[in-house]
Protein backbone atom coordinates (compact mmCIF):
# COMPACT_ATOMS: atom_id res chain seq x y z
CA MET A 1 77.06 65.83 72.33
CA SER A 2 79.85 68.38 73.14
CA VAL A 3 78.51 68.14 77.03
CA ILE A 4 78.01 64.53 77.23
CA TRP A 5 81.70 63.78 75.65
CA GLY A 6 83.11 66.95 77.66
CA ILE A 7 82.39 65.87 81.24
CA PRO A 8 84.16 61.80 80.94
CA TYR A 9 87.24 63.55 82.05
CA LEU A 10 85.78 64.81 85.05
CA LEU A 11 84.11 61.84 85.96
CA ILE A 12 87.26 59.58 85.68
CA ARG A 13 89.26 62.02 87.89
CA VAL A 14 86.38 61.93 90.64
CA ALA A 15 85.87 57.83 90.10
CA VAL A 16 89.80 57.07 90.18
CA GLU A 17 90.17 58.47 93.66
CA GLU A 18 88.24 55.00 95.20
CA VAL A 19 88.39 52.73 91.97
CA THR A 20 91.52 51.29 90.31
CA PRO A 21 91.66 51.97 86.32
CA GLY A 22 91.00 48.67 85.47
CA THR A 23 88.03 48.36 88.14
CA LEU A 24 86.60 51.44 86.47
CA VAL A 25 86.95 50.46 82.83
CA PHE A 26 85.35 46.75 83.61
CA LEU A 27 82.36 49.06 85.65
CA ARG A 28 82.25 51.50 82.59
CA ALA A 29 81.98 48.71 79.86
CA ALA A 30 80.01 46.09 81.69
CA LEU A 31 77.41 48.43 82.55
CA ALA A 32 77.31 49.95 78.98
CA ALA A 33 77.43 46.72 77.25
CA LEU A 34 74.22 45.62 79.51
CA LEU A 35 72.07 48.52 77.56
CA LEU A 36 73.52 48.53 74.16
CA LEU A 37 73.81 44.62 73.47
CA PRO A 38 70.42 43.59 73.93
CA ILE A 39 69.47 46.53 71.33
CA ALA A 40 72.21 44.95 69.06
CA ALA A 41 70.83 41.41 69.40
CA LEU A 42 67.04 42.49 68.88
CA ARG A 43 68.03 43.93 65.58
CA GLY A 44 70.02 40.38 64.88
CA GLU A 45 73.30 42.45 64.29
CA VAL A 46 75.65 40.37 66.75
CA ARG A 47 76.20 37.44 64.77
CA PRO A 48 77.52 39.10 61.62
CA ALA A 49 79.53 41.13 63.39
CA LEU A 50 81.22 37.97 64.85
CA ALA A 51 81.83 37.04 61.10
CA VAL A 52 84.71 39.61 61.59
CA TRP A 53 85.72 38.66 64.81
CA ARG A 54 89.75 39.61 64.41
CA TRP A 55 88.93 42.74 63.30
CA LEU A 56 86.63 43.29 65.78
CA LEU A 57 89.07 42.41 68.64
CA ILE A 58 91.92 44.73 67.02
CA PHE A 59 89.20 47.57 67.21
CA THR A 60 88.46 46.79 70.95
CA ALA A 61 91.78 46.92 71.80
CA ILE A 62 92.43 49.96 70.17
CA GLU A 63 89.67 51.89 70.95
CA ILE A 64 88.11 50.93 74.01
CA ALA A 65 90.15 48.34 76.19
CA LEU A 66 93.45 49.78 76.11
CA PRO A 67 93.09 53.92 75.86
CA TRP A 68 90.24 54.02 78.53
CA VAL A 69 92.51 51.87 80.85
CA LEU A 70 95.49 54.30 79.81
CA LEU A 71 93.47 57.54 80.41
CA SER A 72 92.12 56.33 83.96
CA SER A 73 95.47 55.91 85.05
CA ALA A 74 96.62 59.11 83.78
CA GLU A 75 94.38 61.05 85.69
CA THR A 76 95.36 59.56 88.67
CA GLU A 77 98.09 62.27 88.39
CA VAL A 78 96.75 64.75 86.01
CA SER A 79 94.20 66.93 85.98
CA SER A 80 90.97 66.44 84.31
CA SER A 81 91.21 69.62 82.01
CA LEU A 82 95.16 68.69 80.85
CA ALA A 83 93.97 65.40 79.94
CA ALA A 84 91.09 66.75 78.03
CA LEU A 85 93.24 69.12 76.18
CA ILE A 86 95.87 66.88 75.38
CA ILE A 87 93.46 64.45 73.72
CA ALA A 88 92.14 67.27 72.06
CA GLY A 89 95.09 66.48 69.79
CA VAL A 90 93.44 63.67 68.30
CA PRO A 91 92.46 64.95 64.99
CA LEU A 92 96.38 66.34 64.41
CA VAL A 93 97.07 62.68 64.84
CA GLY A 94 94.44 61.32 62.54
CA ALA A 95 96.02 64.12 59.88
CA ALA A 96 99.79 63.17 60.51
CA ILE A 97 98.60 59.31 59.82
CA ALA A 98 97.10 60.53 56.66
CA TRP A 99 99.97 62.15 55.88
CA ALA A 100 102.26 59.31 56.52
CA SER A 101 100.36 57.22 54.28
CA GLY A 102 101.26 59.05 51.62
CA GLU A 103 98.02 61.35 51.28
CA ARG A 104 98.83 64.72 49.35
CA PHE A 105 98.12 67.76 51.79
CA GLY A 106 98.12 71.30 50.83
CA ARG A 107 100.20 73.91 52.31
CA ALA A 108 97.42 75.12 55.01
CA SER A 109 97.13 71.28 55.86
CA LEU A 110 100.92 71.11 56.64
CA ILE A 111 100.68 74.61 58.52
CA GLY A 112 97.81 73.38 60.72
CA LEU A 113 99.75 70.09 61.71
CA LEU A 114 102.96 72.19 62.93
CA VAL A 115 100.51 74.57 64.49
CA GLY A 116 98.34 72.16 66.30
CA LEU A 117 101.90 70.17 67.50
CA ALA A 118 103.22 73.46 68.68
CA GLY A 119 99.90 73.68 70.60
CA VAL A 120 100.14 70.15 72.10
CA GLY A 121 103.85 71.01 72.95
CA ALA A 122 102.39 74.33 74.54
CA ILE A 123 100.29 72.24 76.93
CA VAL A 124 102.69 69.75 77.87
CA GLY A 125 105.67 72.20 78.24
CA THR A 126 104.18 74.47 80.68
CA GLU A 127 102.45 71.65 82.59
CA ILE A 128 104.91 68.95 82.79
CA ASP A 129 105.49 69.74 86.37
CA GLY A 130 102.02 69.05 86.73
CA GLY A 131 102.21 64.83 86.34
CA SER A 132 104.38 62.15 85.73
CA THR A 133 106.27 61.30 82.39
CA LYS A 134 104.21 58.08 82.61
CA ALA A 135 101.02 60.00 82.55
CA PHE A 136 101.94 62.30 79.76
CA VAL A 137 102.85 59.34 77.22
CA GLU A 138 99.72 57.26 78.58
CA LEU A 139 97.88 60.45 77.35
CA GLY A 140 99.81 60.23 74.20
CA VAL A 141 99.30 56.87 73.26
CA VAL A 142 95.19 57.42 73.90
CA ALA A 143 95.65 59.89 71.40
CA VAL A 144 97.00 57.62 68.87
CA CYS A 145 94.44 55.04 69.79
CA TYR A 146 91.31 57.30 69.57
CA ALA A 147 92.91 58.41 65.97
CA VAL A 148 93.54 54.52 64.66
CA GLY A 149 90.14 53.24 66.10
CA PRO A 150 87.98 54.75 63.65
CA ILE A 151 90.10 54.06 60.83
CA ILE A 152 90.02 50.69 61.36
CA LEU A 153 86.29 50.93 61.92
CA ALA A 154 85.70 52.85 58.49
CA ARG A 155 88.32 50.46 56.33
CA TYR A 156 87.73 46.95 57.87
CA LEU A 157 83.90 47.07 59.70
CA ALA A 158 81.96 49.24 57.58
CA ASP A 159 79.59 46.57 56.50
CA VAL A 160 78.87 45.80 60.70
CA PRO A 161 76.07 48.47 61.91
CA ALA A 162 78.24 51.06 64.16
CA LEU A 163 76.53 50.68 67.16
CA THR A 164 76.79 46.86 67.22
CA VAL A 165 80.48 47.41 66.71
CA VAL A 166 80.45 49.51 70.04
CA ALA A 167 78.44 47.24 71.93
CA VAL A 168 80.11 44.18 71.09
CA SER A 169 83.34 45.68 71.70
CA LEU A 170 82.16 46.98 75.16
CA GLY A 171 80.80 43.21 76.07
CA ILE A 172 84.47 41.93 74.86
CA THR A 173 86.24 44.61 76.97
CA ALA A 174 83.99 44.06 80.37
CA ALA A 175 85.07 40.28 79.50
CA MET A 176 88.71 41.08 79.26
CA TYR A 177 88.82 43.18 82.71
CA ALA A 178 86.51 41.47 84.83
CA PRO A 179 89.15 39.47 86.42
CA ILE A 180 91.35 42.54 86.71
CA ALA A 181 88.27 43.81 88.96
CA ALA A 182 88.01 40.75 90.66
CA PHE A 183 91.05 40.86 92.18
CA ASN A 184 91.32 44.84 92.83
CA LEU A 185 87.37 45.09 94.40
CA PRO A 186 87.58 48.79 96.61
CA ASP A 187 88.26 48.22 100.48
CA GLY A 188 84.87 49.83 101.32
CA MET A 189 81.59 51.26 100.26
CA LEU A 190 82.00 53.54 97.76
CA SER A 191 81.13 57.11 98.62
CA GLY A 192 78.25 58.70 96.46
CA ARG A 193 80.03 61.08 94.30
CA VAL A 194 81.99 58.08 92.95
CA ILE A 195 79.08 55.81 92.00
CA ALA A 196 77.59 58.64 90.48
CA SER A 197 80.62 59.03 88.53
CA VAL A 198 80.51 55.50 87.76
CA LEU A 199 76.86 55.67 86.61
CA GLY A 200 77.21 58.58 84.83
CA LEU A 201 80.15 57.27 82.32
CA ALA A 202 78.67 54.31 81.53
CA PHE A 203 75.08 55.17 81.16
CA LEU A 204 75.47 58.68 79.91
CA CYS A 205 78.66 59.06 78.47
CA THR A 206 78.92 55.88 76.62
CA ALA A 207 75.52 54.13 76.20
CA LEU A 208 73.42 57.23 75.68
CA ALA A 209 76.47 58.86 73.89
CA PHE A 210 76.52 56.46 71.13
CA LEU A 211 73.11 56.20 70.70
CA LEU A 212 72.55 60.12 70.57
CA PHE A 213 75.73 60.24 68.31
CA PHE A 214 74.66 57.74 65.57
CA ALA A 215 71.17 59.33 65.53
CA LEU A 216 73.27 63.05 65.26
CA ILE A 217 75.04 61.80 62.50
CA ALA A 218 71.90 60.18 60.78
CA GLU A 219 70.59 63.67 60.95
CA ILE A 220 73.19 66.21 59.49
CA GLY A 221 75.83 63.78 58.23
CA PRO A 222 79.65 62.80 59.72
CA VAL A 223 81.21 66.13 58.56
CA ARG A 224 78.86 68.58 60.31
CA ALA A 225 78.65 66.33 63.81
CA THR A 226 82.35 66.23 63.98
CA VAL A 227 81.84 70.21 65.30
CA ILE A 228 81.85 68.73 68.88
CA THR A 229 85.59 67.89 68.50
CA TYR A 230 86.10 71.57 68.87
CA VAL A 231 83.92 71.82 71.86
CA ASN A 232 84.01 69.21 74.22
CA PRO A 233 87.69 69.77 75.38
CA ALA A 234 86.54 73.32 76.19
CA VAL A 235 83.66 71.72 78.28
CA ALA A 236 85.99 69.53 80.01
CA ALA A 237 88.14 72.42 81.29
CA ILE A 238 85.18 74.05 82.64
CA ALA A 239 84.18 71.58 84.26
CA GLY A 240 87.05 70.63 85.83
CA VAL A 241 87.80 74.32 86.81
CA THR A 242 84.47 75.01 88.29
CA ILE A 243 83.29 71.58 89.83
CA LEU A 244 86.86 70.15 91.16
CA GLY A 245 88.67 73.62 91.37
CA GLU A 246 91.43 72.57 88.98
CA THR A 247 94.21 75.39 87.67
CA PHE A 248 94.12 76.69 84.05
CA THR A 249 96.98 78.29 83.38
CA VAL A 250 97.84 80.46 80.60
CA GLY A 251 99.92 78.12 78.92
CA MET A 252 96.97 75.37 78.37
CA ALA A 253 94.75 78.08 77.26
CA ILE A 254 97.57 79.45 74.71
CA GLY A 255 98.04 75.62 73.85
CA PHE A 256 94.59 74.65 73.39
CA VAL A 257 93.92 77.83 71.22
CA LEU A 258 96.60 76.73 69.02
CA VAL A 259 95.59 72.98 68.95
CA LEU A 260 92.12 73.88 67.62
CA ALA A 261 93.41 76.26 65.15
CA GLY A 262 95.94 73.29 63.99
CA SER A 263 93.44 70.88 63.90
CA PHE A 264 90.78 73.00 61.66
CA LEU A 265 93.56 73.90 59.13
CA ALA A 266 94.77 70.13 59.19
CA THR A 267 91.56 68.78 58.83
CA ARG A 268 89.54 71.31 56.48
CA PRO A 269 88.15 70.08 53.24
CA THR A 270 90.06 70.83 50.23
CA THR A 271 88.20 72.84 47.68
CA LYS A 272 88.35 69.40 45.74
CA ARG A 273 87.49 66.88 47.79
CA ASP A 274 90.56 64.27 47.98
CA PRO A 275 90.55 60.28 49.67
CA SER A 276 92.46 61.74 52.79
CA GLN A 277 88.83 63.29 53.82
CA ALA A 278 87.35 59.39 53.99
CA LEU A 279 90.13 58.99 56.37
CA LEU A 280 90.08 61.79 58.51
CA GLU A 281 86.37 62.24 58.79
CA PRO A 282 85.82 59.26 61.44
CA VAL A 283 88.76 60.38 63.38
CA LEU A 284 87.49 63.87 63.81
CA ALA A 285 84.46 63.15 65.97
CA GLU A 286 86.48 60.66 68.37
CA THR A 287 87.90 63.22 70.66
CA LYS A 288 86.03 61.38 74.00
CA GLY A 289 86.95 60.35 77.33
């Protein structure tokens, strides 16, 4: 899972060389939905999911439709490594949301928030020349979306199987972006590496990834499964540097270490379990492209 959710940033960076962000979202969502929707339909779970269609639409917009297009747009200007390191701050956003909602945090958690925010600041501050302000704002919105989406899933869609929620959301996203893709067709035949990137995003990093992730949760539980959160940004950075020849600066390295340390402190379970952990646990596993 750490590898599978560490390489989308690389694949997105390659794909947006020839495909517009909106078209890429359509292709990724449509191809993945073709695999996952039949599974949900065979289980007879699609109709019950539609009973909560309002929250399903909200979840779709926040977890898939909006962040995917913003991430793709940002990666037209910033490196895949930089994008991955900024999105690594998702657990910090989740912790901040819990704290703003009135959850009681210990001293270590608050220190973790400050350390993590300092890490994000170090990454952005040292790399601001590597992309426009617009790209960094887009990545910030993506991080917020990835933190809020799982909270909606846990609070309002808990009675619907998670795989079904994802499958239906992908179908809705594909329908939403179909008109956009229709008016933004590539000028010519896509290169082999772009085609491979699109297929990898759809089948490996989306359809197969979710199937494996839910199997992982069933095997070891949601808390232990969140370990991938701390590994996949490193995988993304290594892939960007080794395959695309991207630059990995000292500022990025220092910031990444601070973000990981801050995320660990801000989201680690307390000795006595408190309600905030129920809010944070689903957030931790959402650091993906």
